[in-house]
Amino acid sequence: MTAATRALCIVAAALAFESDNTLAQSASTRPIRVLVASAAGGPSDIQIRLLAPALTAAFGQTIIVDNRPSNNGVVATEIAARSPPDGHTFTVGNSGTHAVNATLYAKLSYDPVRDFVAVTEFSTTGMVVAANARLPGASIHDLVTHAKKQPGKLNVAIPGSTGELAGDALWSQLQVKMTNIHYKGSAPSELALVSGEADLSMLTPLATLTHLQSGKLKAYGITSVQRSPILPDVPTLAEQGVQGFDIQFWNGLFAPAKTPVASVRTAQRAIARALQTAETGDRFRQLGLQVVGNTPEEFAEIVKNDVAKFRKIIIESGIPRL
């Protein structure tokens, strides 16, 4: 090899090293995007924004919350499923996007189990059977009596597929007919209910708290087997004689399938630790949420079990598929 050839090889190697080093630095500093399937201000959005500082500290990278609201959260979840599994994309999923939708949609554009790796569950909560204040009565039986006088005329604002499933299963069990109107998340459904555009909705305790206190909304019951700590005066549906009714709404973090295990574990540990702190965990509890922070394996098992649970409810209740 001549001196000129050796010199060219050295230059080429130096350029290649510099290029690789630049790419590595670029990858390490590229922001991490977390897709949210609902509008800003909804339960999923609030929770990830509380947890974002912990993720920023763990990864040493900027966390960008990307809200992509759509009916039943399909758009954001599909984007996440199709994103490169390089550790730079996560999504906040819930019992609707990753359990209910698996059966609710005849042809879903993503597979909630196959296309994702579960990272960790943030929280779980029951849903309030919330109504505009003009509706009569205070118990679920008062609502049934009113609804049976005008079948199909009461409108239900649908914030997502968990709320839709909970409502449809409840109306089926109570033998009343309602009309569903789909909205792009919890916040738009809440506004529709307060304004009187909708009559009813299934919302989290947090979404209803202020409006219940001001008298703009009323609560006919809550879908979980236990009362909400921030709405202790709202009885459960089971307490009111709706036997066996227990549907809860959960939120958690997911990543595209084949995302590096190191990225998944880093995110899980950061969130689990944050949920145990007074600053973050107590804030979750103040919002009426039961904190979780489980392992990827534990969360994956919950998703798998809920897919089967909600499939059974949908089939047995005769809820039409979309």
C-alpha atoms as a PDB file:
ATOM      1  CA  MET A   1       0.000   0.000   0.000  1.00  0.00           C
ATOM      2  CA  THR A   2       1.435   3.354  -1.048  1.00  0.00           C
ATOM      3  CA  ALA A   3       1.676   6.335   1.277  1.00  0.00           C
ATOM      4  CA  ALA A   4      -1.065   8.103  -0.695  1.00  0.00           C
ATOM      5  CA  THR A   5      -3.379   5.093  -0.381  1.00  0.00           C
ATOM      6  CA  ARG A   6      -2.720   4.852   3.377  1.00  0.00           C
ATOM      7  CA  ALA A   7      -3.499   8.540   3.736  1.00  0.00           C
ATOM      8  CA  LEU A   8      -6.793   8.111   1.885  1.00  0.00           C
ATOM      9  CA  CYS A   9      -7.757   5.166   4.118  1.00  0.00           C
ATOM     10  CA  ILE A  10      -7.002   7.167   7.254  1.00  0.00           C
ATOM     11  CA  VAL A  11      -9.125  10.067   6.011  1.00  0.00           C
ATOM     12  CA  ALA A  12     -11.970   7.716   5.057  1.00  0.00           C
ATOM     13  CA  ALA A  13     -11.866   6.019   8.472  1.00  0.00           C
ATOM     14  CA  ALA A  14     -11.876   9.372  10.233  1.00  0.00           C
ATOM     15  CA  LEU A  15     -14.865  10.545   8.202  1.00  0.00           C
ATOM     16  CA  ALA A  16     -16.727   7.312   8.891  1.00  0.00           C
ATOM     17  CA  PHE A  17     -16.025   7.615  12.636  1.00  0.00           C
ATOM     18  CA  GLU A  18     -17.175  11.223  12.648  1.00  0.00           C
ATOM     19  CA  SER A  19     -20.339  10.280  10.723  1.00  0.00           C
ATOM     20  CA  ASP A  20     -21.159   7.408  13.105  1.00  0.00           C
ATOM     21  CA  ASN A  21     -20.457   9.593  16.129  1.00  0.00           C
ATOM     22  CA  THR A  22     -22.714  12.341  14.764  1.00  0.00           C
ATOM     23  CA  LEU A  23     -25.512   9.841  14.131  1.00  0.00           C
ATOM     24  CA  ALA A  24     -25.154   8.419  17.632  1.00  0.00           C
ATOM     25  CA  GLN A  25     -25.289  11.882  19.177  1.00  0.00           C
ATOM     26  CA  SER A  26     -28.284  12.742  16.994  1.00  0.00           C
ATOM     27  CA  ALA A  27     -30.112   9.579  18.098  1.00  0.00           C
ATOM     28  CA  SER A  28     -29.331  10.157  21.769  1.00  0.00           C
ATOM     29  CA  THR A  29     -30.586  13.738  21.734  1.00  0.00           C
ATOM     30  CA  ARG A  30     -33.639  13.202  19.530  1.00  0.00           C
ATOM     31  CA  PRO A  31     -36.832  13.924  21.507  1.00  0.00           C
ATOM     32  CA  ILE A  32     -39.027  11.054  22.636  1.00  0.00           C
ATOM     33  CA  ARG A  33     -42.609  11.342  21.410  1.00  0.00           C
ATOM     34  CA  VAL A  34     -45.475  10.096  23.533  1.00  0.00           C
ATOM     35  CA  LEU A  35     -48.720   9.863  21.574  1.00  0.00           C
ATOM     36  CA  VAL A  36     -51.966  10.515  23.437  1.00  0.00           C
ATOM     37  CA  ALA A  37     -55.232   9.307  21.928  1.00  0.00           C
ATOM     38  CA  SER A  38     -57.365  12.122  23.356  1.00  0.00           C
ATOM     39  CA  ALA A  39     -57.513  15.898  23.496  1.00  0.00           C
ATOM     40  CA  ALA A  40     -55.482  17.951  25.958  1.00  0.00           C
ATOM     41  CA  GLY A  41     -57.047  18.034  29.408  1.00  0.00           C
ATOM     42  CA  GLY A  42     -58.399  14.478  29.334  1.00  0.00           C
ATOM     43  CA  PRO A  43     -57.389  11.759  31.848  1.00  0.00           C
ATOM     44  CA  SER A  44     -54.685  10.233  29.628  1.00  0.00           C
ATOM     45  CA  ASP A  45     -53.184  13.632  28.858  1.00  0.00           C
ATOM     46  CA  ILE A  46     -53.111  14.793  32.484  1.00  0.00           C
ATOM     47  CA  GLN A  47     -51.436  11.601  33.680  1.00  0.00           C
ATOM     48  CA  ILE A  48     -48.618  11.525  31.130  1.00  0.00           C
ATOM     49  CA  ARG A  49     -47.853  15.209  31.707  1.00  0.00           C
ATOM     50  CA  LEU A  50     -47.462  14.474  35.419  1.00  0.00           C
ATOM     51  CA  LEU A  51     -45.084  11.624  34.564  1.00  0.00           C
ATOM     52  CA  ALA A  52     -43.135  13.353  31.770  1.00  0.00           C
ATOM     53  CA  PRO A  53     -40.504  14.887  34.109  1.00  0.00           C
ATOM     54  CA  ALA A  54     -39.607  11.420  35.401  1.00  0.00           C
ATOM     55  CA  LEU A  55     -39.186  10.126  31.843  1.00  0.00           C
ATOM     56  CA  THR A  56     -37.082  13.156  30.896  1.00  0.00           C
ATOM     57  CA  ALA A  57     -34.773  12.519  33.845  1.00  0.00           C
ATOM     58  CA  ALA A  58     -34.502   8.790  33.093  1.00  0.00           C
ATOM     59  CA  PHE A  59     -33.747   9.130  29.374  1.00  0.00           C
ATOM     60  CA  GLY A  60     -31.976  12.490  29.457  1.00  0.00           C
ATOM     61  CA  GLN A  61     -34.089  13.524  26.486  1.00  0.00           C
ATOM     62  CA  THR A  62     -36.972  15.901  25.846  1.00  0.00           C
ATOM     63  CA  ILE A  63     -40.425  14.311  26.073  1.00  0.00           C
ATOM     64  CA  ILE A  64     -42.964  15.615  23.559  1.00  0.00           C
ATOM     65  CA  VAL A  65     -46.629  14.861  24.301  1.00  0.00           C
ATOM     66  CA  ASP A  66     -48.389  14.518  20.946  1.00  0.00           C
ATOM     67  CA  ASN A  67     -52.192  14.682  21.252  1.00  0.00           C
ATOM     68  CA  ARG A  68     -54.021  12.970  18.371  1.00  0.00           C
ATOM     69  CA  PRO A  69     -57.703  12.837  19.414  1.00  0.00           C
ATOM     70  CA  SER A  70     -60.076  10.625  17.433  1.00  0.00           C
ATOM     71  CA  ASN A  71     -63.098   8.407  17.980  1.00  0.00           C
ATOM     72  CA  ASN A  72     -62.111   5.665  20.436  1.00  0.00           C
ATOM     73  CA  GLY A  73     -58.444   6.635  20.176  1.00  0.00           C
ATOM     74  CA  VAL A  74     -57.809   4.692  16.994  1.00  0.00           C
ATOM     75  CA  VAL A  75     -55.681   7.297  15.152  1.00  0.00           C
ATOM     76  CA  ALA A  76     -52.965   7.831  17.786  1.00  0.00           C
ATOM     77  CA  THR A  77     -52.792   4.133  18.587  1.00  0.00           C
ATOM     78  CA  GLU A  78     -52.389   3.190  14.930  1.00  0.00           C
ATOM     79  CA  ILE A  79     -49.613   5.782  14.473  1.00  0.00           C
ATOM     80  CA  ALA A  80     -47.791   4.306  17.465  1.00  0.00           C
ATOM     81  CA  ALA A  81     -48.201   0.761  16.158  1.00  0.00           C
ATOM     82  CA  ARG A  82     -46.640   1.747  12.810  1.00  0.00           C
ATOM     83  CA  SER A  83     -43.777   3.802  14.310  1.00  0.00           C
ATOM     84  CA  PRO A  84     -40.177   2.524  14.258  1.00  0.00           C
ATOM     85  CA  PRO A  85     -39.437   0.476  17.395  1.00  0.00           C
ATOM     86  CA  ASP A  86     -36.330   2.498  18.240  1.00  0.00           C
ATOM     87  CA  GLY A  87     -37.216   3.702  21.730  1.00  0.00           C
ATOM     88  CA  HIS A  88     -38.257   7.146  20.545  1.00  0.00           C
ATOM     89  CA  THR A  89     -42.011   6.528  20.368  1.00  0.00           C
ATOM     90  CA  PHE A  90     -44.413   5.557  23.127  1.00  0.00           C
ATOM     91  CA  THR A  91     -48.172   5.891  23.471  1.00  0.00           C
ATOM     92  CA  VAL A  92     -50.579   6.263  26.366  1.00  0.00           C
ATOM     93  CA  GLY A  93     -53.103   3.478  25.949  1.00  0.00           C
ATOM     94  CA  ASN A  94     -56.175   2.694  27.972  1.00  0.00           C
ATOM     95  CA  SER A  95     -58.720  -0.039  28.508  1.00  0.00           C
ATOM     96  CA  GLY A  96     -60.507   1.199  25.388  1.00  0.00           C
ATOM     97  CA  THR A  97     -57.636   1.447  22.909  1.00  0.00           C
ATOM     98  CA  HIS A  98     -55.956  -1.777  24.040  1.00  0.00           C
ATOM     99  CA  ALA A  99     -58.765  -4.035  25.263  1.00  0.00           C
ATOM    100  CA  VAL A 100     -62.248  -2.964  24.150  1.00  0.00           C
ATOM    101  CA  ASN A 101     -61.289  -1.990  20.589  1.00  0.00           C
ATOM    102  CA  ALA A 102     -59.942  -5.484  19.934  1.00  0.00           C
ATOM    103  CA  THR A 103     -63.525  -6.756  19.712  1.00  0.00           C
ATOM    104  CA  LEU A 104     -65.539  -3.574  19.228  1.00  0.00           C
ATOM    105  CA  TYR A 105     -64.040  -3.067  15.755  1.00  0.00           C
ATOM    106  CA  ALA A 106     -64.644  -5.714  13.125  1.00  0.00           C
ATOM    107  CA  LYS A 107     -61.521  -4.579  11.228  1.00  0.00           C
ATOM    108  CA  LEU A 108     -59.187  -2.736  13.580  1.00  0.00           C
ATOM    109  CA  SER A 109     -56.135  -1.163  11.930  1.00  0.00           C
ATOM    110  CA  TYR A 110     -53.801  -2.422  14.660  1.00  0.00           C
ATOM    111  CA  ASP A 111     -53.567  -5.417  16.976  1.00  0.00           C
ATOM    112  CA  PRO A 112     -53.601  -4.186  20.610  1.00  0.00           C
ATOM    113  CA  VAL A 113     -51.528  -7.163  21.777  1.00  0.00           C
ATOM    114  CA  ARG A 114     -49.323  -8.188  18.839  1.00  0.00           C
ATOM    115  CA  ASP A 115     -48.330  -4.668  17.712  1.00  0.00           C
ATOM    116  CA  PHE A 116     -47.281  -3.374  21.147  1.00  0.00           C
ATOM    117  CA  VAL A 117     -45.164  -4.096  24.169  1.00  0.00           C
ATOM    118  CA  ALA A 118     -46.810  -3.156  27.458  1.00  0.00           C
ATOM    119  CA  VAL A 119     -44.563  -0.913  29.586  1.00  0.00           C
ATOM    120  CA  THR A 120     -46.515  -0.175  32.775  1.00  0.00           C
ATOM    121  CA  GLU A 121     -50.011   0.646  33.972  1.00  0.00           C
ATOM    122  CA  PHE A 122     -50.397   4.116  35.495  1.00  0.00           C
ATOM    123  CA  SER A 123     -53.766   3.905  37.211  1.00  0.00           C
ATOM    124  CA  THR A 124     -57.287   2.558  37.317  1.00  0.00           C
ATOM    125  CA  THR A 125     -60.660   4.096  38.226  1.00  0.00           C
ATOM    126  CA  GLY A 126     -64.390   3.566  37.899  1.00  0.00           C
ATOM    127  CA  MET A 127     -66.521   5.776  35.640  1.00  0.00           C
ATOM    128  CA  VAL A 128     -69.356   8.026  36.690  1.00  0.00           C
ATOM    129  CA  VAL A 129     -72.759   7.708  35.034  1.00  0.00           C
ATOM    130  CA  ALA A 130     -72.928  11.482  34.653  1.00  0.00           C
ATOM    131  CA  ALA A 131     -75.910  13.507  33.431  1.00  0.00           C
ATOM    132  CA  ASN A 132     -76.831  17.061  32.627  1.00  0.00           C
ATOM    133  CA  ALA A 133     -78.472  18.587  35.710  1.00  0.00           C
ATOM    134  CA  ARG A 134     -81.821  18.982  33.949  1.00  0.00           C
ATOM    135  CA  LEU A 135     -82.445  15.220  33.959  1.00  0.00           C
ATOM    136  CA  PRO A 136     -84.777  14.083  36.768  1.00  0.00           C
ATOM    137  CA  GLY A 137     -84.101  12.026  39.868  1.00  0.00           C
ATOM    138  CA  ALA A 138     -80.938  10.978  41.647  1.00  0.00           C
ATOM    139  CA  SER A 139     -80.677   7.163  41.391  1.00  0.00           C
ATOM    140  CA  ILE A 140     -80.007   4.855  38.477  1.00  0.00           C
ATOM    141  CA  HIS A 141     -83.609   3.655  38.806  1.00  0.00           C
ATOM    142  CA  ASP A 142     -84.853   7.241  38.343  1.00  0.00           C
ATOM    143  CA  LEU A 143     -82.842   7.406  35.129  1.00  0.00           C
ATOM    144  CA  VAL A 144     -84.303   4.103  33.911  1.00  0.00           C
ATOM    145  CA  THR A 145     -87.855   5.301  34.575  1.00  0.00           C
ATOM    146  CA  HIS A 146     -87.194   8.524  32.640  1.00  0.00           C
ATOM    147  CA  ALA A 147     -85.465   6.752  29.744  1.00  0.00           C
ATOM    148  CA  LYS A 148     -88.229   4.182  29.284  1.00  0.00           C
ATOM    149  CA  LYS A 149     -90.757   6.974  28.733  1.00  0.00           C
ATOM    150  CA  GLN A 150     -88.790   8.125  25.662  1.00  0.00           C
ATOM    151  CA  PRO A 151     -86.777   5.228  24.238  1.00  0.00           C
ATOM    152  CA  GLY A 152     -83.773   6.275  22.161  1.00  0.00           C
ATOM    153  CA  LYS A 153     -84.270   9.997  22.764  1.00  0.00           C
ATOM    154  CA  LEU A 154     -81.575  10.458  25.402  1.00  0.00           C
ATOM    155  CA  ASN A 155     -78.132  11.160  23.883  1.00  0.00           C
ATOM    156  CA  VAL A 156     -74.981   9.678  25.380  1.00  0.00           C
ATOM    157  CA  ALA A 157     -71.668  11.462  24.755  1.00  0.00           C
ATOM    158  CA  ILE A 158     -69.061   8.779  24.036  1.00  0.00           C
ATOM    159  CA  PRO A 159     -65.530   9.785  25.153  1.00  0.00           C
ATOM    160  CA  GLY A 160     -63.919   6.497  24.118  1.00  0.00           C
ATOM    161  CA  SER A 161     -64.594   2.807  23.702  1.00  0.00           C
ATOM    162  CA  THR A 162     -64.408   1.933  27.415  1.00  0.00           C
ATOM    163  CA  GLY A 163     -67.131   4.481  28.097  1.00  0.00           C
ATOM    164  CA  GLU A 164     -69.113   3.201  25.138  1.00  0.00           C
ATOM    165  CA  LEU A 165     -68.839  -0.398  26.283  1.00  0.00           C
ATOM    166  CA  ALA A 166     -69.719   0.465  29.892  1.00  0.00           C
ATOM    167  CA  GLY A 167     -72.756   2.432  28.758  1.00  0.00           C
ATOM    168  CA  ASP A 168     -74.013  -0.103  26.240  1.00  0.00           C
ATOM    169  CA  ALA A 169     -73.580  -2.969  28.713  1.00  0.00           C
ATOM    170  CA  LEU A 170     -75.438  -0.982  31.379  1.00  0.00           C
ATOM    171  CA  TRP A 171     -78.327   0.028  29.105  1.00  0.00           C
ATOM    172  CA  SER A 172     -78.612  -3.595  27.939  1.00  0.00           C
ATOM    173  CA  GLN A 173     -78.744  -4.888  31.515  1.00  0.00           C
ATOM    174  CA  LEU A 174     -81.307  -2.225  32.493  1.00  0.00           C
ATOM    175  CA  GLN A 175     -83.288  -2.757  29.272  1.00  0.00           C
ATOM    176  CA  VAL A 176     -83.329   0.868  28.147  1.00  0.00           C
ATOM    177  CA  LYS A 177     -82.501   2.361  24.753  1.00  0.00           C
ATOM    178  CA  MET A 178     -80.093   5.289  24.342  1.00  0.00           C
ATOM    179  CA  THR A 179     -78.478   7.025  21.351  1.00  0.00           C
ATOM    180  CA  ASN A 180     -74.675   7.257  21.270  1.00  0.00           C
ATOM    181  CA  ILE A 181     -72.848  10.324  19.947  1.00  0.00           C
ATOM    182  CA  HIS A 182     -69.084   9.938  19.526  1.00  0.00           C
ATOM    183  CA  TYR A 183     -66.647  12.643  20.646  1.00  0.00           C
ATOM    184  CA  LYS A 184     -62.869  12.812  20.393  1.00  0.00           C
ATOM    185  CA  GLY A 185     -62.037  12.172  24.017  1.00  0.00           C
ATOM    186  CA  SER A 186     -63.112  12.943  27.546  1.00  0.00           C
ATOM    187  CA  ALA A 187     -62.773  16.750  27.464  1.00  0.00           C
ATOM    188  CA  PRO A 188     -65.116  17.281  24.441  1.00  0.00           C
ATOM    189  CA  SER A 189     -67.638  14.826  25.932  1.00  0.00           C
ATOM    190  CA  GLU A 190     -67.533  16.698  29.234  1.00  0.00           C
ATOM    191  CA  LEU A 191     -68.205  20.026  27.487  1.00  0.00           C
ATOM    192  CA  ALA A 192     -71.084  18.530  25.508  1.00  0.00           C
ATOM    193  CA  LEU A 193     -72.643  17.236  28.703  1.00  0.00           C
ATOM    194  CA  VAL A 194     -72.300  20.490  30.636  1.00  0.00           C
ATOM    195  CA  SER A 195     -73.687  22.537  27.721  1.00  0.00           C
ATOM    196  CA  GLY A 196     -76.706  20.254  27.322  1.00  0.00           C
ATOM    197  CA  GLU A 197     -75.663  19.081  23.863  1.00  0.00           C
ATOM    198  CA  ALA A 198     -75.651  15.571  25.373  1.00  0.00           C
ATOM    199  CA  ASP A 199     -77.787  14.115  28.162  1.00  0.00           C
ATOM    200  CA  LEU A 200     -75.444  11.496  29.602  1.00  0.00           C
ATOM    201  CA  SER A 201     -71.862  10.264  29.521  1.00  0.00           C
ATOM    202  CA  MET A 202     -69.491   7.849  31.226  1.00  0.00           C
ATOM    203  CA  LEU A 203     -66.697  10.016  32.633  1.00  0.00           C
ATOM    204  CA  THR A 204     -63.934   9.649  35.207  1.00  0.00           C
ATOM    205  CA  PRO A 205     -64.548  11.064  38.683  1.00  0.00           C
ATOM    206  CA  LEU A 206     -61.983  13.778  37.979  1.00  0.00           C
ATOM    207  CA  ALA A 207     -63.821  14.945  34.855  1.00  0.00           C
ATOM    208  CA  THR A 208     -67.083  15.305  36.764  1.00  0.00           C
ATOM    209  CA  LEU A 209     -65.922  16.566  40.180  1.00  0.00           C
ATOM    210  CA  THR A 210     -66.068  20.341  39.623  1.00  0.00           C
ATOM    211  CA  HIS A 211     -69.330  20.175  37.682  1.00  0.00           C
ATOM    212  CA  LEU A 212     -70.992  17.995  40.306  1.00  0.00           C
ATOM    213  CA  GLN A 213     -69.928  20.444  43.000  1.00  0.00           C
ATOM    214  CA  SER A 214     -71.304  23.398  41.014  1.00  0.00           C
ATOM    215  CA  GLY A 215     -74.586  21.625  40.256  1.00  0.00           C
ATOM    216  CA  LYS A 216     -74.080  21.624  36.480  1.00  0.00           C
ATOM    217  CA  LEU A 217     -74.014  17.816  36.420  1.00  0.00           C
ATOM    218  CA  LYS A 218     -75.498  15.011  38.480  1.00  0.00           C
ATOM    219  CA  ALA A 219     -74.263  11.462  39.067  1.00  0.00           C
ATOM    220  CA  TYR A 220     -76.498   8.391  38.901  1.00  0.00           C
ATOM    221  CA  GLY A 221     -73.764   6.015  40.079  1.00  0.00           C
ATOM    222  CA  ILE A 222     -70.232   4.736  39.473  1.00  0.00           C
ATOM    223  CA  THR A 223     -69.247   1.651  37.464  1.00  0.00           C
ATOM    224  CA  SER A 224     -66.614   0.185  39.811  1.00  0.00           C
ATOM    225  CA  VAL A 225     -67.356  -2.083  42.758  1.00  0.00           C
ATOM    226  CA  GLN A 226     -65.876   0.499  45.120  1.00  0.00           C
ATOM    227  CA  ARG A 227     -66.814   4.166  45.541  1.00  0.00           C
ATOM    228  CA  SER A 228     -64.430   6.854  44.347  1.00  0.00           C
ATOM    229  CA  PRO A 229     -62.346   8.492  47.098  1.00  0.00           C
ATOM    230  CA  ILE A 230     -63.029  11.934  45.625  1.00  0.00           C
ATOM    231  CA  LEU A 231     -66.763  11.262  45.150  1.00  0.00           C
ATOM    232  CA  PRO A 232     -67.596   9.337  48.338  1.00  0.00           C
ATOM    233  CA  ASP A 233     -71.280  10.260  48.194  1.00  0.00           C
ATOM    234  CA  VAL A 234     -71.829   8.733  44.745  1.00  0.00           C
ATOM    235  CA  PRO A 235     -73.037   5.118  45.180  1.00  0.00           C
ATOM    236  CA  THR A 236     -71.844   2.304  42.982  1.00  0.00           C
ATOM    237  CA  LEU A 237     -74.231   0.723  40.505  1.00  0.00           C
ATOM    238  CA  ALA A 238     -73.854  -2.567  42.375  1.00  0.00           C
ATOM    239  CA  GLU A 239     -75.000  -0.862  45.578  1.00  0.00           C
ATOM    240  CA  GLN A 240     -78.128   0.227  43.721  1.00  0.00           C
ATOM    241  CA  GLY A 241     -78.999  -3.298  42.697  1.00  0.00           C
ATOM    242  CA  VAL A 242     -77.293  -3.545  39.288  1.00  0.00           C
ATOM    243  CA  GLN A 243     -75.888  -6.996  39.967  1.00  0.00           C
ATOM    244  CA  GLY A 244     -72.351  -7.917  38.950  1.00  0.00           C
ATOM    245  CA  PHE A 245     -71.570  -4.608  37.244  1.00  0.00           C
ATOM    246  CA  ASP A 246     -67.864  -3.706  37.471  1.00  0.00           C
ATOM    247  CA  ILE A 247     -66.136  -1.913  34.596  1.00  0.00           C
ATOM    248  CA  GLN A 248     -63.030   0.142  35.281  1.00  0.00           C
ATOM    249  CA  PHE A 249     -60.959   2.477  33.155  1.00  0.00           C
ATOM    250  CA  TRP A 250     -57.175   2.183  33.191  1.00  0.00           C
ATOM    251  CA  ASN A 251     -54.301   4.081  31.561  1.00  0.00           C
ATOM    252  CA  GLY A 252     -50.772   2.919  30.863  1.00  0.00           C
ATOM    253  CA  LEU A 253     -47.735   3.271  28.648  1.00  0.00           C
ATOM    254  CA  PHE A 254     -47.087   1.167  25.551  1.00  0.00           C
ATOM    255  CA  ALA A 255     -44.328   1.044  22.938  1.00  0.00           C
ATOM    256  CA  PRO A 256     -44.283  -0.390  19.413  1.00  0.00           C
ATOM    257  CA  ALA A 257     -43.549  -4.126  19.304  1.00  0.00           C
ATOM    258  CA  LYS A 258     -39.801  -4.953  19.225  1.00  0.00           C
ATOM    259  CA  THR A 259     -38.828  -1.743  21.023  1.00  0.00           C
ATOM    260  CA  PRO A 260     -35.476  -2.407  22.772  1.00  0.00           C
ATOM    261  CA  VAL A 261     -35.900  -3.990  26.192  1.00  0.00           C
ATOM    262  CA  ALA A 262     -33.562  -1.387  27.701  1.00  0.00           C
ATOM    263  CA  SER A 263     -35.894   1.449  26.647  1.00  0.00           C
ATOM    264  CA  VAL A 264     -38.950  -0.376  27.982  1.00  0.00           C
ATOM    265  CA  ARG A 265     -37.292  -1.112  31.333  1.00  0.00           C
ATOM    266  CA  THR A 266     -35.990   2.452  31.679  1.00  0.00           C
ATOM    267  CA  ALA A 267     -39.455   3.893  31.125  1.00  0.00           C
ATOM    268  CA  GLN A 268     -41.113   1.371  33.471  1.00  0.00           C
ATOM    269  CA  ARG A 269     -38.701   1.977  36.333  1.00  0.00           C
ATOM    270  CA  ALA A 270     -38.970   5.761  35.991  1.00  0.00           C
ATOM    271  CA  ILE A 271     -42.779   5.701  36.078  1.00  0.00           C
ATOM    272  CA  ALA A 272     -42.999   3.156  38.904  1.00  0.00           C
ATOM    273  CA  ARG A 273     -40.654   5.248  41.046  1.00  0.00           C
ATOM    274  CA  ALA A 274     -42.532   8.469  40.253  1.00  0.00           C
ATOM    275  CA  LEU A 275     -45.870   6.944  41.218  1.00  0.00           C
ATOM    276  CA  GLN A 276     -44.427   6.061  44.634  1.00  0.00           C
ATOM    277  CA  THR A 277     -43.343   9.631  45.386  1.00  0.00           C
ATOM    278  CA  ALA A 278     -45.474  12.031  47.375  1.00  0.00           C
ATOM    279  CA  GLU A 279     -45.234  14.645  44.645  1.00  0.00           C
ATOM    280  CA  THR A 280     -46.591  12.503  41.809  1.00  0.00           C
ATOM    281  CA  GLY A 281     -48.352   9.601  43.505  1.00  0.00           C
ATOM    282  CA  ASP A 282     -50.320  11.847  45.838  1.00  0.00           C
ATOM    283  CA  ARG A 283     -51.343  14.008  42.908  1.00  0.00           C
ATOM    284  CA  PHE A 284     -52.734  10.922  41.149  1.00  0.00           C
ATOM    285  CA  ARG A 285     -54.691   9.995  44.253  1.00  0.00           C
ATOM    286  CA  GLN A 286     -56.034  13.541  44.546  1.00  0.00           C
ATOM    287  CA  LEU A 287     -57.399  13.050  41.029  1.00  0.00           C
ATOM    288  CA  GLY A 288     -59.352  10.005  42.217  1.00  0.00           C
ATOM    289  CA  LEU A 289     -56.987   7.474  40.656  1.00  0.00           C
ATOM    290  CA  GLN A 290     -55.620   4.266  42.123  1.00  0.00           C
ATOM    291  CA  VAL A 291     -51.910   4.197  41.246  1.00  0.00           C
ATOM    292  CA  VAL A 292     -50.345   1.011  39.884  1.00  0.00           C
ATOM    293  CA  GLY A 293     -46.840   1.109  38.313  1.00  0.00           C
ATOM    294  CA  ASN A 294     -46.589  -2.637  37.610  1.00  0.00           C
ATOM    295  CA  THR A 295     -44.022  -4.537  35.518  1.00  0.00           C
ATOM    296  CA  PRO A 296     -44.291  -4.995  31.733  1.00  0.00           C
ATOM    297  CA  GLU A 297     -45.131  -8.659  32.263  1.00  0.00           C
ATOM    298  CA  GLU A 298     -47.871  -7.904  34.802  1.00  0.00           C
ATOM    299  CA  PHE A 299     -49.358  -5.185  32.609  1.00  0.00           C
ATOM    300  CA  ALA A 300     -49.314  -7.419  29.529  1.00  0.00           C
ATOM    301  CA  GLU A 301     -51.283 -10.042  31.459  1.00  0.00           C
ATOM    302  CA  ILE A 302     -53.903  -7.438  32.455  1.00  0.00           C
ATOM    303  CA  VAL A 303     -54.298  -6.364  28.822  1.00  0.00           C
ATOM    304  CA  LYS A 304     -54.658  -9.978  27.682  1.00  0.00           C
ATOM    305  CA  ASN A 305     -57.263 -10.727  30.367  1.00  0.00           C
ATOM    306  CA  ASP A 306     -59.240  -7.549  29.651  1.00  0.00           C
ATOM    307  CA  VAL A 307     -59.356  -8.282  25.919  1.00  0.00           C
ATOM    308  CA  ALA A 308     -61.076 -11.571  26.805  1.00  0.00           C
ATOM    309  CA  LYS A 309     -63.296  -9.964  29.471  1.00  0.00           C
ATOM    310  CA  PHE A 310     -64.571  -7.208  27.198  1.00  0.00           C
ATOM    311  CA  ARG A 311     -65.023  -9.594  24.270  1.00  0.00           C
ATOM    312  CA  LYS A 312     -67.367 -11.633  26.462  1.00  0.00           C
ATOM    313  CA  ILE A 313     -69.316  -8.508  27.507  1.00  0.00           C
ATOM    314  CA  ILE A 314     -69.654  -7.292  23.913  1.00  0.00           C
ATOM    315  CA  ILE A 315     -70.846 -10.655  22.613  1.00  0.00           C
ATOM    316  CA  GLU A 316     -73.257 -11.378  25.464  1.00  0.00           C
ATOM    317  CA  SER A 317     -74.705  -7.838  25.472  1.00  0.00           C
ATOM    318  CA  GLY A 318     -75.212  -7.870  21.688  1.00  0.00           C
ATOM    319  CA  ILE A 319     -73.300  -4.595  21.305  1.00  0.00           C
ATOM    320  CA  PRO A 320     -72.902  -3.944  17.563  1.00  0.00           C
ATOM    321  CA  ARG A 321     -69.367  -3.983  16.176  1.00  0.00           C
ATOM    322  CA  LEU A 322     -68.010  -0.942  14.357  1.00  0.00           C
END
